[in-house]
Amino acid sequence: METGERDLPRIEITAALESWKTALLAAKRKKRTVSAVHGAMTQGLAAWSAERGYTHLDKLAVPVLDRFVGGWKYAGITHRSRIDLMRSFLKFCVARKWILPLDRKMKR
């Protein structure tokens, strides 16, 4: 049965996060910003995922990401900024065909 998942590679979360940071630097983002702001989000997601046994991107479904975000203790503006970073990371992964768009995952 065709589900639209044509040979999606299984990419490890940590590898995807490192690739994203490398791409940000290649796009001329400031190294300090990528290290501090993006680095905090990537380290947080990597650690949280590892603690819960999530090693591959395909396991980061909406309910899983909701639990990750739900554990944040940021103020409103910082929280929104981190959500935007998560969206940027996930769009990066979708563009590389490592994962399906989240709205497609929910329809399964």
PDB file of N, CA and C in Angstrom:
ATOM      1  N   MET A   1       0.838  -1.183   0.000  1.00  0.00           N
ATOM      2  CA  MET A   1       0.000   0.000   0.000  1.00  0.00           C
ATOM      3  C   MET A   1       0.884   1.248   0.000  1.00  0.00           C
ATOM      4  N   GLU A   2       0.609   2.158  -0.879  1.00  0.00           N
ATOM      5  CA  GLU A   2       1.400   3.374  -1.027  1.00  0.00           C
ATOM      6  C   GLU A   2       1.048   4.380   0.062  1.00  0.00           C
ATOM      7  N   THR A   3       2.056   4.802   0.827  1.00  0.00           N
ATOM      8  CA  THR A   3       1.822   5.775   1.889  1.00  0.00           C
ATOM      9  C   THR A   3       2.517   7.098   1.619  1.00  0.00           C
ATOM     10  N   GLY A   4       3.277   7.156   0.531  1.00  0.00           N
ATOM     11  CA  GLY A   4       3.990   8.377   0.226  1.00  0.00           C
ATOM     12  C   GLY A   4       5.354   8.444   0.873  1.00  0.00           C
ATOM     13  N   GLU A   5       5.741   7.395   1.575  1.00  0.00           N
ATOM     14  CA  GLU A   5       7.035   7.357   2.246  1.00  0.00           C
ATOM     15  C   GLU A   5       8.015   6.574   1.382  1.00  0.00           C
ATOM     16  N   ARG A   6       8.498   7.184   0.343  1.00  0.00           N
ATOM     17  CA  ARG A   6       9.400   6.497  -0.563  1.00  0.00           C
ATOM     18  C   ARG A   6      10.817   6.518  -0.035  1.00  0.00           C
ATOM     19  N   ASP A   7      11.199   5.450   0.598  1.00  0.00           N
ATOM     20  CA  ASP A   7      12.580   5.268   1.030  1.00  0.00           C
ATOM     21  C   ASP A   7      13.157   6.460   1.794  1.00  0.00           C
ATOM     22  N   LEU A   8      12.430   6.946   2.773  1.00  0.00           N
ATOM     23  CA  LEU A   8      12.976   8.004   3.625  1.00  0.00           C
ATOM     24  C   LEU A   8      14.139   7.422   4.416  1.00  0.00           C
ATOM     25  N   PRO A   9      15.263   8.115   4.418  1.00  0.00           N
ATOM     26  CA  PRO A   9      16.397   7.600   5.197  1.00  0.00           C
ATOM     27  C   PRO A   9      16.134   7.747   6.690  1.00  0.00           C
ATOM     28  N   ARG A  10      16.730   6.887   7.480  1.00  0.00           N
ATOM     29  CA  ARG A  10      16.620   7.036   8.938  1.00  0.00           C
ATOM     30  C   ARG A  10      17.820   7.836   9.400  1.00  0.00           C
ATOM     31  N   ILE A  11      17.574   9.064   9.744  1.00  0.00           N
ATOM     32  CA  ILE A  11      18.625   9.982  10.157  1.00  0.00           C
ATOM     33  C   ILE A  11      18.580  10.124  11.671  1.00  0.00           C
ATOM     34  N   GLU A  12      19.742  10.055  12.287  1.00  0.00           N
ATOM     35  CA  GLU A  12      19.802  10.250  13.734  1.00  0.00           C
ATOM     36  C   GLU A  12      19.570  11.723  14.064  1.00  0.00           C
ATOM     37  N   ILE A  13      18.903  11.957  15.161  1.00  0.00           N
ATOM     38  CA  ILE A  13      18.573  13.320  15.596  1.00  0.00           C
ATOM     39  C   ILE A  13      19.841  14.154  15.748  1.00  0.00           C
ATOM     40  N   THR A  14      20.850  13.601  16.390  1.00  0.00           N
ATOM     41  CA  THR A  14      22.078  14.366  16.609  1.00  0.00           C
ATOM     42  C   THR A  14      22.750  14.737  15.292  1.00  0.00           C
ATOM     43  N   ALA A  15      22.747  13.835  14.320  1.00  0.00           N
ATOM     44  CA  ALA A  15      23.352  14.122  13.014  1.00  0.00           C
ATOM     45  C   ALA A  15      22.573  15.224  12.296  1.00  0.00           C
ATOM     46  N   ALA A  16      21.257  15.172  12.385  1.00  0.00           N
ATOM     47  CA  ALA A  16      20.424  16.196  11.745  1.00  0.00           C
ATOM     48  C   ALA A  16      20.651  17.564  12.382  1.00  0.00           C
ATOM     49  N   LEU A  17      20.757  17.599  13.697  1.00  0.00           N
ATOM     50  CA  LEU A  17      20.999  18.856  14.398  1.00  0.00           C
ATOM     51  C   LEU A  17      22.355  19.451  14.015  1.00  0.00           C
ATOM     52  N   GLU A  18      23.371  18.627  13.939  1.00  0.00           N
ATOM     53  CA  GLU A  18      24.696  19.107  13.530  1.00  0.00           C
ATOM     54  C   GLU A  18      24.680  19.605  12.090  1.00  0.00           C
ATOM     55  N   SER A  19      23.982  18.904  11.228  1.00  0.00           N
ATOM     56  CA  SER A  19      23.867  19.312   9.825  1.00  0.00           C
ATOM     57  C   SER A  19      23.168  20.663   9.717  1.00  0.00           C
ATOM     58  N   TRP A  20      22.131  20.854  10.528  1.00  0.00           N
ATOM     59  CA  TRP A  20      21.394  22.125  10.550  1.00  0.00           C
ATOM     60  C   TRP A  20      22.303  23.270  10.977  1.00  0.00           C
ATOM     61  N   LYS A  21      23.068  23.059  12.047  1.00  0.00           N
ATOM     62  CA  LYS A  21      23.980  24.101  12.510  1.00  0.00           C
ATOM     63  C   LYS A  21      25.053  24.409  11.461  1.00  0.00           C
ATOM     64  N   THR A  22      25.558  23.392  10.794  1.00  0.00           N
ATOM     65  CA  THR A  22      26.540  23.588   9.725  1.00  0.00           C
ATOM     66  C   THR A  22      25.939  24.401   8.588  1.00  0.00           C
ATOM     67  N   ALA A  23      24.698  24.099   8.231  1.00  0.00           N
ATOM     68  CA  ALA A  23      24.016  24.838   7.164  1.00  0.00           C
ATOM     69  C   ALA A  23      23.785  26.298   7.557  1.00  0.00           C
ATOM     70  N   LEU A  24      23.475  26.533   8.819  1.00  0.00           N
ATOM     71  CA  LEU A  24      23.295  27.910   9.292  1.00  0.00           C
ATOM     72  C   LEU A  24      24.587  28.705   9.159  1.00  0.00           C
ATOM     73  N   LEU A  25      25.681  28.090   9.515  1.00  0.00           N
ATOM     74  CA  LEU A  25      26.975  28.759   9.389  1.00  0.00           C
ATOM     75  C   LEU A  25      27.321  29.008   7.917  1.00  0.00           C
ATOM     76  N   ALA A  26      27.015  28.050   7.067  1.00  0.00           N
ATOM     77  CA  ALA A  26      27.268  28.208   5.632  1.00  0.00           C
ATOM     78  C   ALA A  26      26.415  29.328   5.040  1.00  0.00           C
ATOM     79  N   ALA A  27      25.258  29.575   5.656  1.00  0.00           N
ATOM     80  CA  ALA A  27      24.367  30.647   5.206  1.00  0.00           C
ATOM     81  C   ALA A  27      24.762  31.992   5.822  1.00  0.00           C
ATOM     82  N   LYS A  28      25.946  32.034   6.399  1.00  0.00           N
ATOM     83  CA  LYS A  28      26.527  33.264   6.953  1.00  0.00           C
ATOM     84  C   LYS A  28      25.856  33.761   8.220  1.00  0.00           C
ATOM     85  N   ARG A  29      25.227  32.843   8.957  1.00  0.00           N
ATOM     86  CA  ARG A  29      24.747  33.224  10.286  1.00  0.00           C
ATOM     87  C   ARG A  29      25.965  33.412  11.176  1.00  0.00           C
ATOM     88  N   LYS A  30      25.862  34.277  12.129  1.00  0.00           N
ATOM     89  CA  LYS A  30      26.995  34.536  13.011  1.00  0.00           C
ATOM     90  C   LYS A  30      27.292  33.308  13.867  1.00  0.00           C
ATOM     91  N   LYS A  31      28.564  32.966  13.928  1.00  0.00           N
ATOM     92  CA  LYS A  31      28.979  31.775  14.672  1.00  0.00           C
ATOM     93  C   LYS A  31      28.528  31.849  16.129  1.00  0.00           C
ATOM     94  N   ARG A  32      28.623  33.048  16.704  1.00  0.00           N
ATOM     95  CA  ARG A  32      28.217  33.214  18.102  1.00  0.00           C
ATOM     96  C   ARG A  32      26.730  32.934  18.292  1.00  0.00           C
ATOM     97  N   THR A  33      25.898  33.406  17.366  1.00  0.00           N
ATOM     98  CA  THR A  33      24.460  33.177  17.447  1.00  0.00           C
ATOM     99  C   THR A  33      24.140  31.693  17.282  1.00  0.00           C
ATOM    100  N   VAL A  34      24.762  31.072  16.288  1.00  0.00           N
ATOM    101  CA  VAL A  34      24.519  29.640  16.057  1.00  0.00           C
ATOM    102  C   VAL A  34      24.958  28.834  17.271  1.00  0.00           C
ATOM    103  N   SER A  35      26.080  29.200  17.849  1.00  0.00           N
ATOM    104  CA  SER A  35      26.584  28.473  19.007  1.00  0.00           C
ATOM    105  C   SER A  35      25.690  28.680  20.231  1.00  0.00           C
ATOM    106  N   ALA A  36      25.327  29.913  20.493  1.00  0.00           N
ATOM    107  CA  ALA A  36      24.564  30.218  21.709  1.00  0.00           C
ATOM    108  C   ALA A  36      23.078  29.890  21.569  1.00  0.00           C
ATOM    109  N   VAL A  37      22.420  30.500  20.613  1.00  0.00           N
ATOM    110  CA  VAL A  37      20.962  30.375  20.505  1.00  0.00           C
ATOM    111  C   VAL A  37      20.568  29.024  19.918  1.00  0.00           C
ATOM    112  N   HIS A  38      21.068  28.726  18.739  1.00  0.00           N
ATOM    113  CA  HIS A  38      20.729  27.457  18.102  1.00  0.00           C
ATOM    114  C   HIS A  38      21.332  26.289  18.871  1.00  0.00           C
ATOM    115  N   GLY A  39      22.516  26.513  19.411  1.00  0.00           N
ATOM    116  CA  GLY A  39      23.178  25.462  20.176  1.00  0.00           C
ATOM    117  C   GLY A  39      22.402  25.051  21.407  1.00  0.00           C
ATOM    118  N   ALA A  40      21.808  26.015  22.088  1.00  0.00           N
ATOM    119  CA  ALA A  40      21.014  25.690  23.282  1.00  0.00           C
ATOM    120  C   ALA A  40      19.814  24.821  22.916  1.00  0.00           C
ATOM    121  N   MET A  41      19.145  25.172  21.822  1.00  0.00           N
ATOM    122  CA  MET A  41      17.994  24.371  21.391  1.00  0.00           C
ATOM    123  C   MET A  41      18.428  22.975  20.957  1.00  0.00           C
ATOM    124  N   THR A  42      19.524  22.893  20.190  1.00  0.00           N
ATOM    125  CA  THR A  42      19.954  21.592  19.693  1.00  0.00           C
ATOM    126  C   THR A  42      20.438  20.698  20.832  1.00  0.00           C
ATOM    127  N   GLN A  43      21.163  21.284  21.774  1.00  0.00           N
ATOM    128  CA  GLN A  43      21.614  20.491  22.920  1.00  0.00           C
ATOM    129  C   GLN A  43      20.434  20.011  23.752  1.00  0.00           C
ATOM    130  N   GLY A  44      19.455  20.895  23.923  1.00  0.00           N
ATOM    131  CA  GLY A  44      18.269  20.516  24.690  1.00  0.00           C
ATOM    132  C   GLY A  44      17.492  19.397  24.033  1.00  0.00           C
ATOM    133  N   LEU A  45      17.272  19.503  22.735  1.00  0.00           N
ATOM    134  CA  LEU A  45      16.533  18.458  22.018  1.00  0.00           C
ATOM    135  C   LEU A  45      17.322  17.155  21.996  1.00  0.00           C
ATOM    136  N   ALA A  46      18.626  17.238  21.762  1.00  0.00           N
ATOM    137  CA  ALA A  46      19.454  16.031  21.719  1.00  0.00           C
ATOM    138  C   ALA A  46      19.435  15.309  23.070  1.00  0.00           C
ATOM    139  N   ALA A  47      19.610  16.057  24.145  1.00  0.00           N
ATOM    140  CA  ALA A  47      19.634  15.452  25.480  1.00  0.00           C
ATOM    141  C   ALA A  47      18.274  14.875  25.849  1.00  0.00           C
ATOM    142  N   TRP A  48      17.215  15.642  25.620  1.00  0.00           N
ATOM    143  CA  TRP A  48      15.863  15.197  25.948  1.00  0.00           C
ATOM    144  C   TRP A  48      15.516  13.927  25.173  1.00  0.00           C
ATOM    145  N   SER A  49      15.829  13.920  23.889  1.00  0.00           N
ATOM    146  CA  SER A  49      15.534  12.752  23.039  1.00  0.00           C
ATOM    147  C   SER A  49      16.304  11.523  23.503  1.00  0.00           C
ATOM    148  N   ALA A  50      17.594  11.707  23.783  1.00  0.00           N
ATOM    149  CA  ALA A  50      18.427  10.581  24.223  1.00  0.00           C
ATOM    150  C   ALA A  50      17.918   9.998  25.540  1.00  0.00           C
ATOM    151  N   GLU A  51      17.523  10.858  26.469  1.00  0.00           N
ATOM    152  CA  GLU A  51      17.011  10.394  27.763  1.00  0.00           C
ATOM    153  C   GLU A  51      15.770   9.530  27.611  1.00  0.00           C
ATOM    154  N   ARG A  52      15.008   9.788  26.566  1.00  0.00           N
ATOM    155  CA  ARG A  52      13.751   9.066  26.357  1.00  0.00           C
ATOM    156  C   ARG A  52      13.853   7.975  25.289  1.00  0.00           C
ATOM    157  N   GLY A  53      15.038   7.771  24.777  1.00  0.00           N
ATOM    158  CA  GLY A  53      15.255   6.690  23.816  1.00  0.00           C
ATOM    159  C   GLY A  53      14.905   7.021  22.377  1.00  0.00           C
ATOM    160  N   TYR A  54      14.706   8.294  22.075  1.00  0.00           N
ATOM    161  CA  TYR A  54      14.438   8.708  20.697  1.00  0.00           C
ATOM    162  C   TYR A  54      15.773   9.013  20.030  1.00  0.00           C
ATOM    163  N   THR A  55      16.154   8.204  19.067  1.00  0.00           N
ATOM    164  CA  THR A  55      17.438   8.418  18.409  1.00  0.00           C
ATOM    165  C   THR A  55      17.296   8.891  16.966  1.00  0.00           C
ATOM    166  N   HIS A  56      16.159   8.619  16.337  1.00  0.00           N
ATOM    167  CA  HIS A  56      15.969   8.962  14.927  1.00  0.00           C
ATOM    168  C   HIS A  56      14.843   9.976  14.736  1.00  0.00           C
ATOM    169  N   LEU A  57      15.017  10.799  13.703  1.00  0.00           N
ATOM    170  CA  LEU A  57      14.041  11.861  13.403  1.00  0.00           C
ATOM    171  C   LEU A  57      12.624  11.350  13.240  1.00  0.00           C
ATOM    172  N   ASP A  58      12.476  10.182  12.643  1.00  0.00           N
ATOM    173  CA  ASP A  58      11.127   9.689  12.363  1.00  0.00           C
ATOM    174  C   ASP A  58      10.319   9.402  13.628  1.00  0.00           C
ATOM    175  N   LYS A  59      10.951   9.431  14.770  1.00  0.00           N
ATOM    176  CA  LYS A  59      10.245   9.228  16.043  1.00  0.00           C
ATOM    177  C   LYS A  59       9.736  10.536  16.648  1.00  0.00           C
ATOM    178  N   LEU A  60      10.110  11.664  16.050  1.00  0.00           N
ATOM    179  CA  LEU A  60       9.691  12.963  16.588  1.00  0.00           C
ATOM    180  C   LEU A  60       8.339  13.370  16.000  1.00  0.00           C
ATOM    181  N   ALA A  61       7.322  12.641  16.369  1.00  0.00           N
ATOM    182  CA  ALA A  61       5.957  12.953  15.948  1.00  0.00           C
ATOM    183  C   ALA A  61       5.418  14.107  16.794  1.00  0.00           C
ATOM    184  N   VAL A  62       4.300  14.644  16.390  1.00  0.00           N
ATOM    185  CA  VAL A  62       3.717  15.802  17.071  1.00  0.00           C
ATOM    186  C   VAL A  62       3.539  15.570  18.575  1.00  0.00           C
ATOM    187  N   PRO A  63       2.969  14.449  19.030  1.00  0.00           N
ATOM    188  CA  PRO A  63       2.820  14.274  20.482  1.00  0.00           C
ATOM    189  C   PRO A  63       4.163  14.261  21.227  1.00  0.00           C
ATOM    190  N   VAL A  64       5.186  13.725  20.597  1.00  0.00           N
ATOM    191  CA  VAL A  64       6.521  13.700  21.208  1.00  0.00           C
ATOM    192  C   VAL A  64       7.061  15.121  21.324  1.00  0.00           C
ATOM    193  N   LEU A  65       6.946  15.882  20.244  1.00  0.00           N
ATOM    194  CA  LEU A  65       7.412  17.269  20.262  1.00  0.00           C
ATOM    195  C   LEU A  65       6.607  18.116  21.243  1.00  0.00           C
ATOM    196  N   ASP A  66       5.317  17.812  21.382  1.00  0.00           N
ATOM    197  CA  ASP A  66       4.498  18.517  22.382  1.00  0.00           C
ATOM    198  C   ASP A  66       5.040  18.291  23.789  1.00  0.00           C
ATOM    199  N   ARG A  67       5.462  17.063  24.081  1.00  0.00           N
ATOM    200  CA  ARG A  67       6.026  16.772  25.407  1.00  0.00           C
ATOM    201  C   ARG A  67       7.352  17.504  25.606  1.00  0.00           C
ATOM    202  N   PHE A  68       8.165  17.559  24.562  1.00  0.00           N
ATOM    203  CA  PHE A  68       9.433  18.287  24.649  1.00  0.00           C
ATOM    204  C   PHE A  68       9.189  19.759  24.942  1.00  0.00           C
ATOM    205  N   VAL A  69       8.345  20.389  24.163  1.00  0.00           N
ATOM    206  CA  VAL A  69       8.047  21.810  24.330  1.00  0.00           C
ATOM    207  C   VAL A  69       7.339  22.062  25.665  1.00  0.00           C
ATOM    208  N   GLY A  70       6.498  21.135  26.079  1.00  0.00           N
ATOM    209  CA  GLY A  70       5.769  21.282  27.327  1.00  0.00           C
ATOM    210  C   GLY A  70       6.659  21.336  28.559  1.00  0.00           C
ATOM    211  N   GLY A  71       7.877  20.843  28.439  1.00  0.00           N
ATOM    212  CA  GLY A  71       8.806  20.857  29.562  1.00  0.00           C
ATOM    213  C   GLY A  71       9.618  22.134  29.675  1.00  0.00           C
ATOM    214  N   TRP A  72       9.471  23.026  28.728  1.00  0.00           N
ATOM    215  CA  TRP A  72      10.229  24.282  28.748  1.00  0.00           C
ATOM    216  C   TRP A  72       9.737  25.195  29.859  1.00  0.00           C
ATOM    217  N   LYS A  73      10.653  25.938  30.436  1.00  0.00           N
ATOM    218  CA  LYS A  73      10.322  26.900  31.501  1.00  0.00           C
ATOM    219  C   LYS A  73      10.705  28.321  31.086  1.00  0.00           C
ATOM    220  N   TYR A  74      10.614  28.603  29.800  1.00  0.00           N
ATOM    221  CA  TYR A  74      10.999  29.914  29.280  1.00  0.00           C
ATOM    222  C   TYR A  74       9.887  30.945  29.471  1.00  0.00           C
ATOM    223  N   ALA A  75      10.282  32.218  29.482  1.00  0.00           N
ATOM    224  CA  ALA A  75       9.316  33.316  29.442  1.00  0.00           C
ATOM    225  C   ALA A  75       8.670  33.323  28.057  1.00  0.00           C
ATOM    226  N   GLY A  76       7.572  34.046  27.915  1.00  0.00           N
ATOM    227  CA  GLY A  76       6.782  34.040  26.685  1.00  0.00           C
ATOM    228  C   GLY A  76       7.557  34.321  25.408  1.00  0.00           C
ATOM    229  N   ILE A  77       8.348  35.371  25.389  1.00  0.00           N
ATOM    230  CA  ILE A  77       9.083  35.738  24.172  1.00  0.00           C
ATOM    231  C   ILE A  77      10.139  34.692  23.844  1.00  0.00           C
ATOM    232  N   THR A  78      10.846  34.212  24.843  1.00  0.00           N
ATOM    233  CA  THR A  78      11.863  33.185  24.618  1.00  0.00           C
ATOM    234  C   THR A  78      11.209  31.900  24.139  1.00  0.00           C
ATOM    235  N   HIS A  79      10.073  31.553  24.733  1.00  0.00           N
ATOM    236  CA  HIS A  79       9.341  30.355  24.339  1.00  0.00           C
ATOM    237  C   HIS A  79       8.987  30.431  22.852  1.00  0.00           C
ATOM    238  N   ARG A  80       8.455  31.562  22.433  1.00  0.00           N
ATOM    239  CA  ARG A  80       8.080  31.748  21.027  1.00  0.00           C
ATOM    240  C   ARG A  80       9.305  31.651  20.117  1.00  0.00           C
ATOM    241  N   SER A  81      10.408  32.214  20.551  1.00  0.00           N
ATOM    242  CA  SER A  81      11.652  32.161  19.783  1.00  0.00           C
ATOM    243  C   SER A  81      12.123  30.718  19.613  1.00  0.00           C
ATOM    244  N   ARG A  82      12.020  29.932  20.675  1.00  0.00           N
ATOM    245  CA  ARG A  82      12.433  28.519  20.611  1.00  0.00           C
ATOM    246  C   ARG A  82      11.494  27.712  19.712  1.00  0.00           C
ATOM    247  N   ILE A  83      10.214  28.034  19.734  1.00  0.00           N
ATOM    248  CA  ILE A  83       9.264  27.382  18.826  1.00  0.00           C
ATOM    249  C   ILE A  83       9.668  27.673  17.380  1.00  0.00           C
ATOM    250  N   ASP A  84      10.017  28.920  17.088  1.00  0.00           N
ATOM    251  CA  ASP A  84      10.453  29.289  15.743  1.00  0.00           C
ATOM    252  C   ASP A  84      11.713  28.524  15.342  1.00  0.00           C
ATOM    253  N   LEU A  85      12.630  28.335  16.281  1.00  0.00           N
ATOM    254  CA  LEU A  85      13.833  27.546  15.991  1.00  0.00           C
ATOM    255  C   LEU A  85      13.477  26.100  15.676  1.00  0.00           C
ATOM    256  N   MET A  86      12.543  25.532  16.444  1.00  0.00           N
ATOM    257  CA  MET A  86      12.111  24.151  16.183  1.00  0.00           C
ATOM    258  C   MET A  86      11.499  24.046  14.789  1.00  0.00           C
ATOM    259  N   ARG A  87      10.673  25.011  14.436  1.00  0.00           N
ATOM    260  CA  ARG A  87      10.066  25.007  13.099  1.00  0.00           C
ATOM    261  C   ARG A  87      11.135  25.090  12.019  1.00  0.00           C
ATOM    262  N   SER A  88      12.108  25.937  12.221  1.00  0.00           N
ATOM    263  CA  SER A  88      13.199  26.080  11.262  1.00  0.00           C
ATOM    264  C   SER A  88      13.945  24.752  11.098  1.00  0.00           C
ATOM    265  N   PHE A  89      14.244  24.102  12.207  1.00  0.00           N
ATOM    266  CA  PHE A  89      14.937  22.819  12.159  1.00  0.00           C
ATOM    267  C   PHE A  89      14.093  21.771  11.423  1.00  0.00           C
ATOM    268  N   LEU A  90      12.815  21.696  11.752  1.00  0.00           N
ATOM    269  CA  LEU A  90      11.958  20.694  11.115  1.00  0.00           C
ATOM    270  C   LEU A  90      11.774  20.970   9.624  1.00  0.00           C
ATOM    271  N   LYS A  91      11.669  22.230   9.234  1.00  0.00           N
ATOM    272  CA  LYS A  91      11.588  22.572   7.808  1.00  0.00           C
ATOM    273  C   LYS A  91      12.872  22.174   7.093  1.00  0.00           C
ATOM    274  N   PHE A  92      14.001  22.371   7.745  1.00  0.00           N
ATOM    275  CA  PHE A  92      15.292  21.954   7.208  1.00  0.00           C
ATOM    276  C   PHE A  92      15.279  20.445   6.934  1.00  0.00           C
ATOM    277  N   CYS A  93      14.768  19.677   7.882  1.00  0.00           N
ATOM    278  CA  CYS A  93      14.713  18.211   7.741  1.00  0.00           C
ATOM    279  C   CYS A  93      13.741  17.786   6.639  1.00  0.00           C
ATOM    280  N   VAL A  94      12.608  18.453   6.546  1.00  0.00           N
ATOM    281  CA  VAL A  94      11.629  18.148   5.493  1.00  0.00           C
ATOM    282  C   VAL A  94      12.230  18.459   4.127  1.00  0.00           C
ATOM    283  N   ALA A  95      12.910  19.590   4.007  1.00  0.00           N
ATOM    284  CA  ALA A  95      13.501  19.989   2.731  1.00  0.00           C
ATOM    285  C   ALA A  95      14.524  18.965   2.241  1.00  0.00           C
ATOM    286  N   ARG A  96      15.169  18.264   3.149  1.00  0.00           N
ATOM    287  CA  ARG A  96      16.143  17.244   2.784  1.00  0.00           C
ATOM    288  C   ARG A  96      15.520  15.861   2.637  1.00  0.00           C
ATOM    289  N   LYS A  97      14.210  15.812   2.805  1.00  0.00           N
ATOM    290  CA  LYS A  97      13.449  14.568   2.703  1.00  0.00           C
ATOM    291  C   LYS A  97      13.910  13.511   3.721  1.00  0.00           C
ATOM    292  N   TRP A  98      14.263  14.011   4.897  1.00  0.00           N
ATOM    293  CA  TRP A  98      14.603  13.125   6.000  1.00  0.00           C
ATOM    294  C   TRP A  98      13.362  12.727   6.778  1.00  0.00           C
ATOM    295  N   ILE A  99      12.358  13.621   6.775  1.00  0.00           N
ATOM    296  CA  ILE A  99      11.075  13.359   7.428  1.00  0.00           C
ATOM    297  C   ILE A  99       9.972  13.913   6.539  1.00  0.00           C
ATOM    298  N   LEU A 100       8.770  13.441   6.787  1.00  0.00           N
ATOM    299  CA  LEU A 100       7.601  13.994   6.110  1.00  0.00           C
ATOM    300  C   LEU A 100       7.147  15.237   6.856  1.00  0.00           C
ATOM    301  N   PRO A 101       6.457  16.142   6.186  1.00  0.00           N
ATOM    302  CA  PRO A 101       5.882  17.280   6.919  1.00  0.00           C
ATOM    303  C   PRO A 101       5.005  16.763   8.053  1.00  0.00           C
ATOM    304  N   LEU A 102       5.009  17.445   9.174  1.00  0.00           N
ATOM    305  CA  LEU A 102       4.258  16.976  10.334  1.00  0.00           C
ATOM    306  C   LEU A 102       2.776  16.806  10.057  1.00  0.00           C
ATOM    307  N   ASP A 103       2.194  17.652   9.201  1.00  0.00           N
ATOM    308  CA  ASP A 103       0.771  17.497   8.907  1.00  0.00           C
ATOM    309  C   ASP A 103       0.503  16.191   8.173  1.00  0.00           C
ATOM    310  N   ARG A 104       1.454  15.680   7.389  1.00  0.00           N
ATOM    311  CA  ARG A 104       1.298  14.386   6.725  1.00  0.00           C
ATOM    312  C   ARG A 104       1.415  13.260   7.721  1.00  0.00           C
ATOM    313  N   LYS A 105       2.288  13.405   8.719  1.00  0.00           N
ATOM    314  CA  LYS A 105       2.445  12.375   9.731  1.00  0.00           C
ATOM    315  C   LYS A 105       1.142  12.175  10.496  1.00  0.00           C
ATOM    316  N   MET A 106       0.450  13.271  10.779  1.00  0.00           N
ATOM    317  CA  MET A 106      -0.762  13.196  11.585  1.00  0.00           C
ATOM    318  C   MET A 106      -1.894  12.473  10.848  1.00  0.00           C
ATOM    319  N   LYS A 107      -1.853  12.432   9.533  1.00  0.00           N
ATOM    320  CA  LYS A 107      -2.928  11.808   8.768  1.00  0.00           C
ATOM    321  C   LYS A 107      -2.795  10.302   8.667  1.00  0.00           C
ATOM    322  N   ARG A 108      -1.700   9.745   9.153  1.00  0.00           N
ATOM    323  CA  ARG A 108      -1.490   8.295   9.047  1.00  0.00           C
ATOM    324  C   ARG A 108      -2.414   7.531   9.939  1.00  0.00           C
TER     325      ARG A 108
END
